[in-house]
């Protein structure tokens, strides 16, 4: 019978990775305390160190405003295209009937 995989919360992963990044304990010690494989601890540590700079980066107001403007423009274009499609369907229906 196959053993079901354990799923860990993001908070747990962050705590383990942060402890490994501090370097106060070895990865093997952290892994045995957390009942994890040392490779998993190393992987989480590496992910934390690589993505660390983006954790505190929030979108600026200008970027957020540009995103909202683009989204509004795209919704407007979708609406126009839907209206044109309906109009063309009505006009095309008149041509197909003999």
Protein backbone atom coordinates (compact mmCIF):
# COMPACT_ATOMS: atom_id res chain seq x y z
CA UNK A 1 0.00 0.00 0.00
CA UNK A 2 1.43 3.35 -1.06
CA UNK A 3 2.18 5.96 1.56
CA UNK A 4 0.33 9.25 1.07
CA UNK A 5 2.46 12.36 0.57
CA UNK A 6 2.55 14.90 3.35
CA UNK A 7 1.60 18.46 2.56
CA UNK A 8 3.22 21.28 4.48
CA UNK A 9 1.84 24.77 4.93
CA UNK A 10 3.64 27.79 3.58
CA UNK A 11 4.29 28.98 7.13
CA UNK A 12 6.00 25.71 8.04
CA UNK A 13 8.15 25.81 4.91
CA UNK A 14 9.12 29.41 5.61
CA UNK A 15 10.08 28.65 9.21
CA UNK A 16 12.22 25.67 8.22
CA UNK A 17 13.88 27.58 5.36
CA UNK A 18 14.55 30.60 7.57
CA UNK A 19 16.09 28.43 10.27
CA UNK A 20 18.32 26.81 7.63
CA UNK A 21 19.28 30.21 6.23
CA UNK A 22 20.30 31.47 9.67
CA UNK A 23 22.96 28.77 9.82
CA UNK A 24 22.76 28.22 13.58
CA UNK A 25 22.02 24.52 13.07
CA UNK A 26 23.08 22.13 10.36
CA UNK A 27 20.62 21.11 7.70
CA UNK A 28 20.68 17.56 9.02
CA UNK A 29 19.70 18.75 12.50
CA UNK A 30 16.85 20.84 11.14
CA UNK A 31 15.68 17.96 8.95
CA UNK A 32 15.64 15.48 11.83
CA UNK A 33 13.75 17.90 14.10
CA UNK A 34 11.17 18.56 11.39
CA UNK A 35 11.01 14.92 10.20
CA UNK A 36 12.02 15.98 6.71
CA UNK A 37 14.67 14.85 4.28
CA UNK A 38 17.75 17.09 4.24
CA UNK A 39 17.35 17.61 0.49
CA UNK A 40 13.89 19.09 1.10
CA UNK A 41 15.27 21.53 3.67
CA UNK A 42 18.04 22.55 1.26
CA UNK A 43 15.52 23.08 -1.54
CA UNK A 44 13.27 25.28 0.62
CA UNK A 45 16.31 27.27 1.78
CA UNK A 46 17.42 27.82 -1.81
CA UNK A 47 13.91 28.95 -2.83
CA UNK A 48 13.82 31.40 0.07
CA UNK A 49 17.18 32.87 -0.81
CA UNK A 50 16.33 33.19 -4.51
CA UNK A 51 12.88 34.74 -3.99
CA UNK A 52 13.82 36.76 -0.93
CA UNK A 53 14.04 40.10 -2.72
CA UNK A 54 10.58 39.75 -4.25
CA UNK A 55 8.90 38.99 -0.92
CA UNK A 56 9.00 42.62 0.14
CA UNK A 57 8.39 44.17 -3.25
CA UNK A 58 4.92 45.67 -3.61
CA UNK A 59 3.59 47.10 -6.84
CA UNK A 60 3.91 50.87 -6.96
CA UNK A 61 0.89 53.09 -7.42
CA UNK A 62 1.97 53.92 -10.96
CA UNK A 63 2.27 50.24 -11.88
CA UNK A 64 -1.09 49.52 -10.28
CA UNK A 65 -2.72 52.44 -12.12
CA UNK A 66 -1.22 51.28 -15.44
CA UNK A 67 -2.51 47.76 -14.81
CA UNK A 68 -6.02 49.02 -14.05
CA UNK A 69 -6.01 51.25 -17.14
CA UNK A 70 -4.92 48.35 -19.34
CA UNK A 71 -7.58 46.11 -17.84
CA UNK A 72 -10.31 48.72 -18.43
CA UNK A 73 -9.16 49.20 -22.02
CA UNK A 74 -9.24 45.46 -22.68
CA UNK A 75 -12.74 45.08 -21.22
CA UNK A 76 -13.89 47.97 -23.38
CA UNK A 77 -12.44 46.30 -26.46
CA UNK A 78 -14.12 43.00 -25.59
CA UNK A 79 -17.46 44.79 -25.32
CA UNK A 80 -17.03 46.46 -28.71
CA UNK A 81 -16.05 43.19 -30.36
CA UNK A 82 -19.06 41.39 -28.89
CA UNK A 83 -21.39 44.09 -30.19
CA UNK A 84 -19.81 43.91 -33.66
CA UNK A 85 -20.13 40.13 -33.68
CA UNK A 86 -23.83 40.28 -32.79
CA UNK A 87 -24.42 42.91 -35.48
CA UNK A 88 -22.62 40.79 -38.09
CA UNK A 89 -24.62 37.70 -37.10
CA UNK A 90 -27.88 39.59 -37.64
CA UNK A 91 -26.74 40.92 -41.03
CA UNK A 92 -25.41 37.54 -42.13
CA UNK A 93 -28.71 35.85 -41.19
CA UNK A 94 -30.48 38.03 -43.78
CA UNK A 95 -28.17 36.86 -46.58
CA UNK A 96 -28.45 33.15 -45.87
CA UNK A 97 -32.26 33.01 -46.12
CA UNK A 98 -33.45 32.66 -49.74
